[in-house]
Amino acid sequence: MSARRIITVPVRKVEGASDTAADDLLAVEEPLEIRIRGRSVAITMRTPGNDEELAAGFLFTEGIVGEHTSITRIAMAGRNVVEVETGGEIDLEKLDRHSYISSSCGVCGKASIQSLEAAGAISPLRDRPKISRETIHRLPVALRERQSIFDRTGGLHAAALFDASGALLEVREDVGRHNAVDKLIGAALLGGEIPLHDRILMLSGRMSFELVQKSAMARIAVIAAVGAPSSLAVETALRFGITLAGFVRADRFNIYCGEWRIMAP
């Protein structure tokens, strides 16, 4: 039986001068341990579901595995453990750095753009995709319509992949924004779809360095978000030639870099 993603808790609902007993729905947050060849690699706080994708995406975006064929087996080993078997050599020193991930900040202490380059990130193709401004405007509504757990709890981040025409391909939700992205990239990795040259990544919140880092590893060329990017996110996107669009709404957005991929009317 799959783990629950939503639980019901009793609350006192206050409205004006009165309060009443009621039930509220909460998004579940539980630890997930990722193991390679029986060795514990990382613990992340996540919303249960798509855990194999989360593990695969994390290992790929951190440069621990390079392609889907590197993973020979991936499966749950209990409620909150993913076991991964890999072929070839694994960088044990790199594994030692990844002992704990929080749901909010990802791998704490992640060094810099130089460490991203050392992990094998390559700039996406510069000449594609070409995206209309109208397509960018439509992304937040399309994402919001697929945030099923958020609708019930109000407590999850979401990430989605779209094609260049704005067709929604995949959505993942999680209590951690970086987990949602890892689940998306992990699904693509296990499906043999990396690199994601022609995809748009849409985020329900802000754009941090780590989200741009993960996109660069998957060679995603365009990232859009309803929130703002950080300064290091923009610096990283500039280094790798990634297009960033922030504060995306139905009538406006800001382009922070990579404007050549977004076509004027």
Protein backbone atom coordinates (compact mmCIF):
# COMPACT_ATOMS: atom_id res chain seq x y z
CA MET A 1 0.00 0.00 0.00
CA SER A 2 1.39 3.38 -0.94
CA ALA A 3 2.24 5.91 1.74
CA ARG A 4 -0.23 8.67 2.44
CA ARG A 5 0.44 12.11 0.97
CA ILE A 6 -2.32 13.86 2.93
CA ILE A 7 -3.48 13.45 6.53
CA THR A 8 -6.41 14.87 8.47
CA VAL A 9 -5.80 16.73 11.75
CA PRO A 10 -8.19 18.37 14.24
CA VAL A 11 -8.06 22.17 14.48
CA ARG A 12 -9.93 25.06 16.08
CA LYS A 13 -11.19 27.30 13.32
CA VAL A 14 -11.30 30.94 14.40
CA GLU A 15 -13.60 33.35 12.59
CA GLY A 16 -14.04 36.74 14.21
CA ALA A 17 -14.97 36.28 17.87
CA SER A 18 -16.01 32.63 17.53
CA ASP A 19 -14.14 29.35 17.15
CA THR A 20 -15.32 25.87 16.25
CA ALA A 21 -13.90 22.37 16.05
CA ALA A 22 -13.00 21.28 12.52
CA ASP A 23 -10.72 19.04 10.51
CA ASP A 24 -7.91 20.26 8.28
CA LEU A 25 -5.85 18.52 5.60
CA LEU A 26 -2.05 18.62 5.75
CA ALA A 27 0.56 17.57 3.22
CA VAL A 28 2.67 14.75 4.65
CA GLU A 29 6.38 15.36 5.25
CA GLU A 30 8.51 12.29 6.00
CA PRO A 31 12.19 11.37 5.65
CA LEU A 32 13.42 9.35 2.69
CA GLU A 33 16.77 7.60 2.84
CA ILE A 34 18.59 7.03 -0.45
CA ARG A 35 21.02 4.11 -0.51
CA ILE A 36 23.48 3.05 -3.20
CA ARG A 37 24.72 -0.54 -3.03
CA GLY A 38 23.49 -0.70 0.56
CA ARG A 39 25.31 2.48 1.57
CA SER A 40 23.32 5.47 2.86
CA VAL A 41 23.90 8.44 0.56
CA ALA A 42 21.35 11.03 1.67
CA ILE A 43 18.24 11.67 3.71
CA THR A 44 15.68 14.10 2.36
CA MET A 45 12.44 15.35 3.89
CA ARG A 46 9.80 14.84 1.22
CA THR A 47 6.15 14.20 0.49
CA PRO A 48 5.79 10.44 -0.19
CA GLY A 49 5.21 9.43 -3.79
CA ASN A 50 7.43 9.07 -6.87
CA ASP A 51 10.26 8.21 -4.49
CA GLU A 52 12.26 6.23 -7.05
CA GLU A 53 12.12 9.23 -9.37
CA LEU A 54 13.25 11.50 -6.53
CA ALA A 55 16.24 9.28 -5.80
CA ALA A 56 17.19 8.98 -9.48
CA GLY A 57 16.82 12.71 -10.05
CA PHE A 58 18.89 13.58 -7.01
CA LEU A 59 21.71 11.20 -7.98
CA PHE A 60 21.72 12.55 -11.53
CA THR A 61 21.55 16.27 -10.73
CA GLU A 62 24.34 15.88 -8.17
CA GLY A 63 26.53 14.21 -10.80
CA ILE A 64 26.65 10.86 -9.01
CA VAL A 65 25.14 8.94 -11.93
CA GLY A 66 25.53 10.13 -15.49
CA GLU A 67 22.72 8.46 -17.44
CA HIS A 68 19.78 6.13 -16.96
CA THR A 69 21.81 3.08 -17.94
CA SER A 70 24.04 3.73 -14.90
CA ILE A 71 21.11 2.67 -12.69
CA THR A 72 20.68 -1.09 -12.95
CA ARG A 73 17.96 -1.36 -10.30
CA ILE A 74 15.95 1.08 -8.20
CA ALA A 75 13.21 0.07 -5.76
CA MET A 76 11.63 0.86 -2.42
CA ALA A 77 13.05 -1.11 0.52
CA GLY A 78 10.43 -0.33 3.13
CA ARG A 79 8.28 2.74 3.66
CA ASN A 80 11.01 5.39 3.60
CA VAL A 81 14.06 3.84 1.92
CA VAL A 82 15.04 3.69 -1.75
CA GLU A 83 17.71 1.18 -2.73
CA VAL A 84 19.72 1.92 -5.88
CA GLU A 85 22.06 -0.44 -7.68
CA THR A 86 24.48 1.03 -10.21
CA GLY A 87 26.97 -0.17 -12.74
CA GLY A 88 30.47 1.22 -13.10
CA GLU A 89 32.48 3.31 -10.67
CA ILE A 90 30.92 5.68 -8.13
CA ASP A 91 32.73 8.74 -6.74
CA LEU A 92 32.74 7.88 -3.03
CA GLU A 93 34.17 11.29 -2.03
CA LYS A 94 31.21 12.96 -3.73
CA LEU A 95 28.84 10.67 -1.83
CA ASP A 96 30.40 11.69 1.49
CA ARG A 97 29.29 15.31 0.96
CA HIS A 98 25.61 14.42 0.61
CA SER A 99 24.57 13.21 4.03
CA TYR A 100 21.46 15.31 4.63
CA ILE A 101 19.03 17.32 2.54
CA SER A 102 16.26 19.45 4.00
CA SER A 103 12.93 19.91 2.26
CA SER A 104 13.53 23.64 1.95
CA CYS A 105 17.17 24.14 1.05
CA GLY A 106 18.35 21.09 -0.84
CA VAL A 107 21.95 20.05 -0.36
CA CYS A 108 23.10 22.56 2.22
CA GLY A 109 26.46 24.15 1.55
CA LYS A 110 26.51 23.40 -2.17
CA ALA A 111 29.62 25.22 -3.27
CA SER A 112 29.42 27.21 -6.49
CA ILE A 113 29.13 27.39 -10.23
CA GLN A 114 32.58 25.81 -10.42
CA SER A 115 31.35 22.73 -8.58
CA LEU A 116 28.46 22.51 -11.03
CA GLU A 117 30.88 22.56 -13.95
CA ALA A 118 32.98 19.89 -12.25
CA ALA A 119 29.88 17.70 -11.89
CA GLY A 120 29.51 17.64 -15.66
CA ALA A 121 26.92 20.32 -16.44
CA ILE A 122 26.90 21.36 -20.10
CA SER A 123 25.17 24.37 -21.63
CA PRO A 124 21.89 23.54 -23.40
CA LEU A 125 21.53 24.11 -27.12
CA ARG A 126 21.44 27.85 -27.75
CA ASP A 127 19.15 27.83 -30.78
CA ARG A 128 16.15 26.09 -29.20
CA PRO A 129 13.50 26.00 -28.08
CA LYS A 130 11.87 29.12 -29.49
CA ILE A 131 8.88 30.09 -27.36
CA SER A 132 6.19 32.71 -27.85
CA ARG A 133 5.41 35.20 -25.11
CA GLU A 134 1.82 33.94 -25.08
CA THR A 135 3.06 30.44 -24.28
CA ILE A 136 4.95 31.77 -21.24
CA HIS A 137 1.85 33.62 -20.07
CA ARG A 138 -0.22 30.40 -20.14
CA LEU A 139 2.14 28.29 -18.03
CA PRO A 140 1.09 29.32 -14.47
CA VAL A 141 -2.59 28.55 -15.06
CA ALA A 142 -1.79 25.21 -16.69
CA LEU A 143 0.44 24.27 -13.75
CA ARG A 144 -2.05 25.44 -11.15
CA GLU A 145 -4.81 23.32 -12.69
CA ARG A 146 -2.71 20.19 -12.11
CA GLN A 147 -1.70 20.87 -8.49
CA SER A 148 -4.12 18.34 -7.03
CA ILE A 149 -2.54 17.95 -3.58
CA PHE A 150 -1.98 21.71 -3.24
CA ASP A 151 -5.71 22.21 -3.88
CA ARG A 152 -6.49 20.12 -0.82
CA THR A 153 -3.70 21.26 1.53
CA GLY A 154 -2.20 24.54 0.28
CA GLY A 155 1.15 23.18 1.43
CA LEU A 156 3.16 21.93 -1.55
CA HIS A 157 5.49 23.21 -4.22
CA ALA A 158 5.06 22.07 -7.82
CA ALA A 159 7.25 21.75 -10.88
CA ALA A 160 6.17 20.89 -14.41
CA LEU A 161 7.70 20.20 -17.80
CA PHE A 162 6.11 21.72 -20.89
CA ASP A 163 7.02 21.44 -24.54
CA ALA A 164 7.78 24.53 -26.62
CA SER A 165 4.12 24.93 -27.62
CA GLY A 166 3.01 25.05 -23.98
CA ALA A 167 1.62 21.51 -23.75
CA LEU A 168 1.98 20.19 -20.22
CA LEU A 169 3.89 16.90 -20.13
CA GLU A 170 4.59 16.06 -16.48
CA VAL A 171 3.86 17.56 -13.03
CA ARG A 172 5.30 16.67 -9.65
CA GLU A 173 4.40 18.08 -6.22
CA ASP A 174 6.42 17.97 -3.02
CA VAL A 175 6.90 19.76 0.27
CA GLY A 176 10.39 20.66 -1.04
CA ARG A 177 10.75 22.63 -4.26
CA HIS A 178 14.03 20.91 -5.12
CA ASN A 179 12.38 17.52 -4.53
CA ALA A 180 9.63 18.34 -7.03
CA VAL A 181 12.30 19.15 -9.63
CA ASP A 182 14.29 16.02 -8.81
CA LYS A 183 11.15 13.92 -9.26
CA LEU A 184 10.56 15.46 -12.70
CA ILE A 185 14.14 14.99 -13.82
CA GLY A 186 14.27 11.53 -12.30
CA ALA A 187 11.20 10.48 -14.29
CA ALA A 188 12.85 11.76 -17.46
CA LEU A 189 16.12 10.01 -16.60
CA LEU A 190 14.47 6.65 -15.95
CA GLY A 191 12.53 7.07 -19.19
CA GLY A 192 15.71 7.70 -21.17
CA GLU A 193 14.62 11.24 -22.08
CA ILE A 194 17.68 13.21 -20.89
CA PRO A 195 18.83 15.70 -22.22
CA LEU A 196 15.71 17.87 -22.03
CA HIS A 197 16.74 20.39 -24.69
CA ASP A 198 13.23 21.27 -25.88
CA ARG A 199 11.47 21.47 -22.53
CA ILE A 200 10.33 24.36 -20.36
CA LEU A 201 10.57 23.94 -16.58
CA MET A 202 7.78 25.81 -14.75
CA LEU A 203 8.07 26.38 -10.98
CA SER A 204 5.33 27.33 -8.53
CA GLY A 205 7.68 29.44 -6.39
CA ARG A 206 10.99 31.22 -6.58
CA MET A 207 14.11 30.22 -8.54
CA SER A 208 17.14 29.39 -6.40
CA PHE A 209 20.65 28.42 -7.46
CA GLU A 210 19.95 24.75 -6.85
CA LEU A 211 16.96 24.67 -9.16
CA VAL A 212 19.02 26.23 -11.94
CA GLN A 213 21.81 23.77 -11.09
CA LYS A 214 19.49 20.79 -11.51
CA SER A 215 18.14 22.22 -14.77
CA ALA A 216 21.65 22.71 -16.11
CA MET A 217 22.52 19.08 -15.38
CA ALA A 218 19.45 17.98 -17.37
CA ARG A 219 20.22 20.58 -20.09
CA ILE A 220 16.88 22.36 -19.68
CA ALA A 221 17.14 25.60 -21.62
CA VAL A 222 14.15 27.56 -20.25
CA ILE A 223 12.99 28.02 -16.66
CA ALA A 224 9.87 30.00 -15.80
CA ALA A 225 8.53 30.70 -12.31
CA VAL A 226 5.79 32.59 -10.55
CA GLY A 227 8.42 34.00 -8.17
CA ALA A 228 11.76 35.75 -8.38
CA PRO A 229 15.21 34.31 -9.05
CA SER A 230 18.10 34.75 -6.64
CA SER A 231 21.24 36.56 -7.75
CA LEU A 232 23.20 33.31 -7.94
CA ALA A 233 20.42 31.69 -9.96
CA VAL A 234 20.78 34.46 -12.56
CA GLU A 235 24.57 34.27 -12.50
CA THR A 236 24.42 30.51 -13.04
CA ALA A 237 21.87 30.83 -15.84
CA LEU A 238 24.06 33.41 -17.57
CA ARG A 239 27.07 31.09 -17.31
CA PHE A 240 25.21 28.19 -18.91
CA GLY A 241 23.05 30.12 -21.39
CA ILE A 242 19.73 29.29 -19.73
CA THR A 243 16.65 31.47 -20.20
CA LEU A 244 15.04 32.66 -16.94
CA ALA A 245 11.55 34.18 -16.78
CA GLY A 246 10.30 35.28 -13.36
CA PHE A 247 7.09 36.71 -11.90
CA VAL A 248 5.18 34.96 -14.68
CA ARG A 249 1.53 35.96 -14.87
CA ALA A 250 -1.17 35.97 -17.53
CA ASP A 251 -0.26 39.53 -18.51
CA ARG A 252 3.43 39.98 -17.62
CA PHE A 253 6.81 38.45 -16.77
CA ASN A 254 10.44 39.49 -16.43
CA ILE A 255 13.19 37.98 -18.59
CA TYR A 256 16.43 37.90 -16.60
CA CYS A 257 18.62 36.24 -19.22
CA GLY A 258 18.42 34.21 -22.42
CA GLU A 259 15.89 36.53 -24.04
CA TRP A 260 16.71 35.21 -27.54
CA ARG A 261 14.59 32.09 -26.94
CA ILE A 262 11.42 34.10 -26.25
CA MET A 263 9.90 35.48 -29.41
CA ALA A 264 8.29 38.89 -29.60
CA PRO A 265 4.76 39.14 -31.13
